[in-house]
C-alpha atoms as a PDB file:
ATOM      1  CA  MET A   1     -20.459   3.572 -75.641  1.00  0.00           C
ATOM      2  CA  LYS A   2     -21.377   3.892 -72.019  1.00  0.00           C
ATOM      3  CA  GLY A   3     -18.109   5.606 -71.199  1.00  0.00           C
ATOM      4  CA  TYR A   4     -18.662   7.969 -74.105  1.00  0.00           C
ATOM      5  CA  LEU A   5     -22.068   9.032 -72.782  1.00  0.00           C
ATOM      6  CA  VAL A   6     -20.670   9.721 -69.311  1.00  0.00           C
ATOM      7  CA  LYS A   7     -17.869  11.844 -70.765  1.00  0.00           C
ATOM      8  CA  LEU A   8     -20.367  13.622 -72.958  1.00  0.00           C
ATOM      9  CA  ALA A   9     -22.538  14.350 -69.945  1.00  0.00           C
ATOM     10  CA  VAL A  10     -19.609  15.851 -68.070  1.00  0.00           C
ATOM     11  CA  VAL A  11     -18.569  17.987 -71.066  1.00  0.00           C
ATOM     12  CA  VAL A  12     -22.115  19.133 -71.695  1.00  0.00           C
ATOM     13  CA  GLY A  13     -22.499  19.920 -68.008  1.00  0.00           C
ATOM     14  CA  LEU A  14     -19.380  22.020 -68.080  1.00  0.00           C
ATOM     15  CA  LEU A  15     -20.329  23.875 -71.266  1.00  0.00           C
ATOM     16  CA  TRP A  16     -23.949  24.556 -70.597  1.00  0.00           C
ATOM     17  CA  ALA A  17     -25.590  25.400 -67.382  1.00  0.00           C
ATOM     18  CA  GLY A  18     -28.934  24.301 -66.090  1.00  0.00           C
ATOM     19  CA  SER A  19     -31.071  22.285 -68.504  1.00  0.00           C
ATOM     20  CA  ALA A  20     -28.198  21.029 -70.654  1.00  0.00           C
ATOM     21  CA  ALA A  21     -26.637  19.318 -67.601  1.00  0.00           C
ATOM     22  CA  THR A  22     -29.956  17.723 -66.795  1.00  0.00           C
ATOM     23  CA  VAL A  23     -30.338  16.447 -70.344  1.00  0.00           C
ATOM     24  CA  ALA A  24     -26.823  15.071 -70.400  1.00  0.00           C
ATOM     25  CA  ILE A  25     -27.323  13.181 -67.119  1.00  0.00           C
ATOM     26  CA  ALA A  26     -30.567  11.803 -68.430  1.00  0.00           C
ATOM     27  CA  ASP A  27     -28.690  10.304 -71.355  1.00  0.00           C
ATOM     28  CA  VAL A  28     -26.402   8.338 -69.007  1.00  0.00           C
ATOM     29  CA  PRO A  29     -27.489   4.706 -68.801  1.00  0.00           C
ATOM     30  CA  MET A  30     -29.157   3.454 -65.596  1.00  0.00           C
ATOM     31  CA  GLU A  31     -26.406   0.947 -64.879  1.00  0.00           C
ATOM     32  CA  THR A  32     -23.829   3.718 -64.627  1.00  0.00           C
ATOM     33  CA  LYS A  33     -26.065   5.708 -62.315  1.00  0.00           C
ATOM     34  CA  ALA A  34     -26.603   2.678 -60.120  1.00  0.00           C
ATOM     35  CA  ARG A  35     -22.891   1.976 -59.967  1.00  0.00           C
ATOM     36  CA  ALA A  36     -22.184   5.617 -59.133  1.00  0.00           C
ATOM     37  CA  VAL A  37     -24.836   5.613 -56.403  1.00  0.00           C
ATOM     38  CA  LYS A  38     -23.550   2.274 -55.084  1.00  0.00           C
ATOM     39  CA  LYS A  39     -19.958   3.516 -55.098  1.00  0.00           C
ATOM     40  CA  SER A  40     -21.029   6.727 -53.379  1.00  0.00           C
ATOM     41  CA  ALA A  41     -22.871   4.696 -50.750  1.00  0.00           C
ATOM     42  CA  GLU A  42     -19.802   2.486 -50.262  1.00  0.00           C
ATOM     43  CA  VAL A  43     -17.561   5.529 -49.836  1.00  0.00           C
ATOM     44  CA  LYS A  44     -20.010   7.030 -47.350  1.00  0.00           C
ATOM     45  CA  ALA A  45     -20.233   3.714 -45.471  1.00  0.00           C
ATOM     46  CA  LYS A  46     -16.434   3.428 -45.312  1.00  0.00           C
ATOM     47  CA  ALA A  47     -16.153   7.003 -44.101  1.00  0.00           C
ATOM     48  CA  GLN A  48     -18.848   6.363 -41.484  1.00  0.00           C
ATOM     49  CA  LYS A  49     -17.088   3.148 -40.416  1.00  0.00           C
ATOM     50  CA  ARG A  50     -13.746   4.963 -40.072  1.00  0.00           C
ATOM     51  CA  LYS A  51     -15.475   7.686 -38.074  1.00  0.00           C
ATOM     52  CA  GLU A  52     -17.101   5.124 -35.759  1.00  0.00           C
ATOM     53  CA  GLU A  53     -13.808   3.250 -35.389  1.00  0.00           C
ATOM     54  CA  ALA A  54     -12.073   6.511 -34.491  1.00  0.00           C
ATOM     55  CA  LYS A  55     -14.771   7.251 -31.892  1.00  0.00           C
ATOM     56  CA  ALA A  56     -14.512   3.725 -30.508  1.00  0.00           C
ATOM     57  CA  LYS A  57     -10.728   4.008 -30.373  1.00  0.00           C
ATOM     58  CA  ALA A  58     -10.996   7.360 -28.585  1.00  0.00           C
ATOM     59  CA  LYS A  59     -13.420   5.835 -26.085  1.00  0.00           C
ATOM     60  CA  VAL A  60     -11.070   2.905 -25.479  1.00  0.00           C
ATOM     61  CA  GLU A  61      -8.124   5.263 -25.000  1.00  0.00           C
ATOM     62  CA  ALA A  62     -10.143   7.409 -22.592  1.00  0.00           C
ATOM     63  CA  ALA A  63     -11.208   4.315 -20.671  1.00  0.00           C
ATOM     64  CA  LYS A  64      -7.588   3.115 -20.508  1.00  0.00           C
ATOM     65  CA  LYS A  65      -6.502   6.527 -19.268  1.00  0.00           C
ATOM     66  CA  ARG A  66      -9.222   6.569 -16.589  1.00  0.00           C
ATOM     67  CA  ALA A  67      -8.291   3.022 -15.569  1.00  0.00           C
ATOM     68  CA  ALA A  68      -4.614   3.975 -15.299  1.00  0.00           C
ATOM     69  CA  GLU A  69      -5.508   7.041 -13.233  1.00  0.00           C
ATOM     70  CA  ALA A  70      -7.755   4.953 -10.984  1.00  0.00           C
ATOM     71  CA  LYS A  71      -5.021   2.346 -10.594  1.00  0.00           C
ATOM     72  CA  ALA A  72      -2.459   5.020  -9.701  1.00  0.00           C
ATOM     73  CA  MET A  73      -4.903   6.572  -7.223  1.00  0.00           C
ATOM     74  CA  ALA A  74      -5.606   3.195  -5.629  1.00  0.00           C
ATOM     75  CA  LYS A  75      -1.889   2.463  -5.409  1.00  0.00           C
ATOM     76  CA  ALA A  76      -1.229   5.836  -3.776  1.00  0.00           C
ATOM     77  CA  LYS A  77      -4.047   5.255  -1.289  1.00  0.00           C
ATOM     78  CA  ALA A  78      -2.741   1.775  -0.500  1.00  0.00           C
ATOM     79  CA  GLU A  79       0.773   3.102   0.051  1.00  0.00           C
ATOM     80  CA  ALA A  80      -0.545   5.869   2.293  1.00  0.00           C
ATOM     81  CA  ALA A  81      -2.604   3.378   4.281  1.00  0.00           C
ATOM     82  CA  LYS A  82       0.393   1.044   4.572  1.00  0.00           C
ATOM     83  CA  LYS A  83       2.618   3.891   5.763  1.00  0.00           C
ATOM     84  CA  LYS A  84       0.004   4.977   8.289  1.00  0.00           C
ATOM     85  CA  ALA A  85      -0.373   1.402   9.547  1.00  0.00           C
ATOM     86  CA  GLU A  86       3.405   1.036   9.870  1.00  0.00           C
ATOM     87  CA  GLU A  87       3.612   4.282  11.842  1.00  0.00           C
ATOM     88  CA  LYS A  88       0.791   3.164  14.103  1.00  0.00           C
ATOM     89  CA  LEU A  89       2.463  -0.217  14.603  1.00  0.00           C
ATOM     90  CA  ALA A  90       5.748   1.496  15.457  1.00  0.00           C
ATOM     91  CA  LYS A  91       3.960   3.633  18.059  1.00  0.00           C
ATOM     92  CA  VAL A  92       2.261   0.583  19.556  1.00  0.00           C
ATOM     93  CA  LYS A  93       5.568  -1.317  19.673  1.00  0.00           C
ATOM     94  CA  GLU A  94       7.308   1.637  21.312  1.00  0.00           C
ATOM     95  CA  LYS A  95       4.528   1.886  23.872  1.00  0.00           C
ATOM     96  CA  ALA A  96       4.789  -1.847  24.595  1.00  0.00           C
ATOM     97  CA  ILE A  97       8.564  -1.596  24.967  1.00  0.00           C
ATOM     98  CA  LYS A  98       8.230   1.307  27.392  1.00  0.00           C
ATOM     99  CA  ALA A  99       5.632  -0.589  29.421  1.00  0.00           C
ATOM    100  CA  SER A 100       7.854  -3.685  29.553  1.00  0.00           C
ATOM    101  CA  VAL A 101      10.897  -1.648  30.587  1.00  0.00           C
ATOM    102  CA  LYS A 102       8.791  -0.024  33.305  1.00  0.00           C
ATOM    103  CA  LYS A 103       7.730  -3.466  34.590  1.00  0.00           C
ATOM    104  CA  MET A 104      11.347  -4.606  34.540  1.00  0.00           C
ATOM    105  CA  ASN A 105      12.381  -1.508  36.478  1.00  0.00           C
ATOM    106  CA  ARG A 106       9.696  -2.182  39.092  1.00  0.00           C
ATOM    107  CA  GLU A 107      10.762  -5.818  39.364  1.00  0.00           C
ATOM    108  CA  GLU A 108      14.407  -4.789  39.698  1.00  0.00           C
ATOM    109  CA  ALA A 109      13.555  -2.220  42.377  1.00  0.00           C
ATOM    110  CA  LYS A 110      11.449  -4.756  44.283  1.00  0.00           C
ATOM    111  CA  HIS A 111      14.272  -7.301  44.139  1.00  0.00           C
ATOM    112  CA  ARG A 112      16.924  -4.827  45.275  1.00  0.00           C
ATOM    113  CA  MET A 113      14.724  -3.646  48.147  1.00  0.00           C
ATOM    114  CA  ARG A 114      14.071  -7.194  49.315  1.00  0.00           C
ATOM    115  CA  MET A 115      17.739  -8.128  48.965  1.00  0.00           C
ATOM    116  CA  ALA A 116      18.781  -5.062  50.963  1.00  0.00           C
ATOM    117  CA  LYS A 117      16.354  -5.942  53.759  1.00  0.00           C
ATOM    118  CA  LEU A 118      17.470  -9.580  53.794  1.00  0.00           C
ATOM    119  CA  GLU A 119      21.162  -8.575  53.854  1.00  0.00           C
ATOM    120  CA  ARG A 120      20.457  -6.247  56.791  1.00  0.00           C
ATOM    121  CA  ILE A 121      18.693  -9.086  58.597  1.00  0.00           C
ATOM    122  CA  ARG A 122      21.713 -11.335  57.863  1.00  0.00           C
ATOM    123  CA  GLU A 123      24.069  -8.780  59.466  1.00  0.00           C
ATOM    124  CA  LEU A 124      21.868  -8.588  62.560  1.00  0.00           C
ATOM    125  CA  LEU A 125      21.607 -12.381  62.844  1.00  0.00           C
ATOM    126  CA  LYS A 126      25.369 -12.775  62.487  1.00  0.00           C
ATOM    127  CA  ALA A 127      25.872 -10.195  65.206  1.00  0.00           C
ATOM    128  CA  LYS A 128      23.513 -12.176  67.474  1.00  0.00           C
ATOM    129  CA  GLY A 129      25.043 -15.477  66.447  1.00  0.00           C
ATOM    130  CA  ASN A 130      21.735 -17.148  65.505  1.00  0.00           C
ATOM    131  CA  ASP A 131      22.807 -19.918  63.089  1.00  0.00           C
ATOM    132  CA  GLN A 132      19.361 -21.520  62.827  1.00  0.00           C
ATOM    133  CA  ALA A 133      17.795 -18.280  61.574  1.00  0.00           C
ATOM    134  CA  LEU A 134      20.748 -17.730  59.187  1.00  0.00           C
ATOM    135  CA  LYS A 135      20.022 -21.100  57.499  1.00  0.00           C
ATOM    136  CA  GLN A 136      16.376 -20.115  57.073  1.00  0.00           C
ATOM    137  CA  LEU A 137      17.436 -16.738  55.740  1.00  0.00           C
ATOM    138  CA  ASP A 138      19.673 -18.421  53.140  1.00  0.00           C
ATOM    139  CA  GLU A 139      16.653 -20.392  51.913  1.00  0.00           C
ATOM    140  CA  VAL A 140      14.620 -17.176  51.696  1.00  0.00           C
ATOM    141  CA  LEU A 141      17.457 -15.528  49.729  1.00  0.00           C
ATOM    142  CA  LYS A 142      17.532 -18.471  47.283  1.00  0.00           C
ATOM    143  CA  LYS A 143      13.765 -18.259  46.831  1.00  0.00           C
ATOM    144  CA  GLU A 144      13.924 -14.508  46.205  1.00  0.00           C
ATOM    145  CA  ASN A 145      16.719 -14.893  43.666  1.00  0.00           C
ATOM    146  CA  SER A 146      14.893 -17.664  41.812  1.00  0.00           C
ATOM    147  CA  ARG A 147      11.642 -15.646  41.896  1.00  0.00           C
ATOM    148  CA  TYR A 148      13.485 -12.649  40.460  1.00  0.00           C
ATOM    149  CA  LYS A 149      15.138 -14.718  37.716  1.00  0.00           C
ATOM    150  CA  ARG A 150      11.796 -16.268  36.708  1.00  0.00           C
ATOM    151  CA  ALA A 151      10.072 -12.879  36.673  1.00  0.00           C
ATOM    152  CA  MET A 152      12.808 -11.294  34.571  1.00  0.00           C
ATOM    153  CA  ALA A 153      12.913 -14.275  32.188  1.00  0.00           C
ATOM    154  CA  ARG A 154       9.145 -13.997  31.718  1.00  0.00           C
ATOM    155  CA  LEU A 155       9.393 -10.252  31.028  1.00  0.00           C
ATOM    156  CA  LYS A 156      12.350 -10.736  28.655  1.00  0.00           C
ATOM    157  CA  LYS A 157      10.490 -13.458  26.793  1.00  0.00           C
ATOM    158  CA  ILE A 158       7.497 -11.151  26.297  1.00  0.00           C
ATOM    159  CA  ASN A 159       9.514  -8.340  24.750  1.00  0.00           C
ATOM    160  CA  LYS A 160      13.123  -8.857  23.622  1.00  0.00           C
ATOM    161  CA  ASP A 161      13.582  -5.217  22.564  1.00  0.00           C
ATOM    162  CA  ALA A 162      12.580  -4.070  26.032  1.00  0.00           C
ATOM    163  CA  SER A 163      15.028  -6.566  27.484  1.00  0.00           C
ATOM    164  CA  GLU A 164      17.876  -5.056  25.462  1.00  0.00           C
ATOM    165  CA  ARG A 165      16.954  -1.543  26.558  1.00  0.00           C
ATOM    166  CA  PHE A 166      16.747  -2.650  30.163  1.00  0.00           C
ATOM    167  CA  LYS A 167      20.187  -4.304  30.023  1.00  0.00           C
ATOM    168  CA  LYS A 168      21.645  -1.140  28.526  1.00  0.00           C
ATOM    169  CA  LYS A 169      20.003   0.937  31.227  1.00  0.00           C
ATOM    170  CA  LEU A 170      21.425  -1.337  33.954  1.00  0.00           C
ATOM    171  CA  LYS A 171      24.917  -1.080  32.456  1.00  0.00           C
ATOM    172  CA  ASP A 172      24.623   2.693  32.412  1.00  0.00           C
ATOM    173  CA  VAL A 173      23.492   2.757  36.065  1.00  0.00           C
ATOM    174  CA  ASP A 174      26.210   0.316  37.132  1.00  0.00           C
ATOM    175  CA  SER A 175      28.900   2.294  35.289  1.00  0.00           C
ATOM    176  CA  GLN A 176      27.810   5.502  37.061  1.00  0.00           C
ATOM    177  CA  THR A 177      28.087   3.968  40.529  1.00  0.00           C
END
């Protein structure tokens, strides 16, 4: 009978306006009203829950997007910093190589100058016939050569790249003369 009253209320509501609809709803049992209100509340709650879930999902997606953007930005900054550091290191290395080559050039020039002076002294001593001084000069020549070898070994050990450049430069100079 309950279903009949509900149907009757709907039909009466459709046929008559105003007071008839009110009367028909009044005839509906309280249990049916309570169930309808409860069902309406459940539907509203589900709709609200879906709405909140959608908002939460949107917030999560936005946070993920911001995190991805921040990560990409940090990665780009790190790569730029790494590139800048590598360029700076390359400049420092080049400067060190140039300084080492310059030291090697000075050492080479010093050695050649000393050797030229000692060879000139040797010629003069041979012309005079002073054998005692020639023996002393040979010792000085040995000392100069060993000093030069030690100095060049030390400079080569410090910077191998500079050593290679210096050798190439010496070959070029020797091939021109």
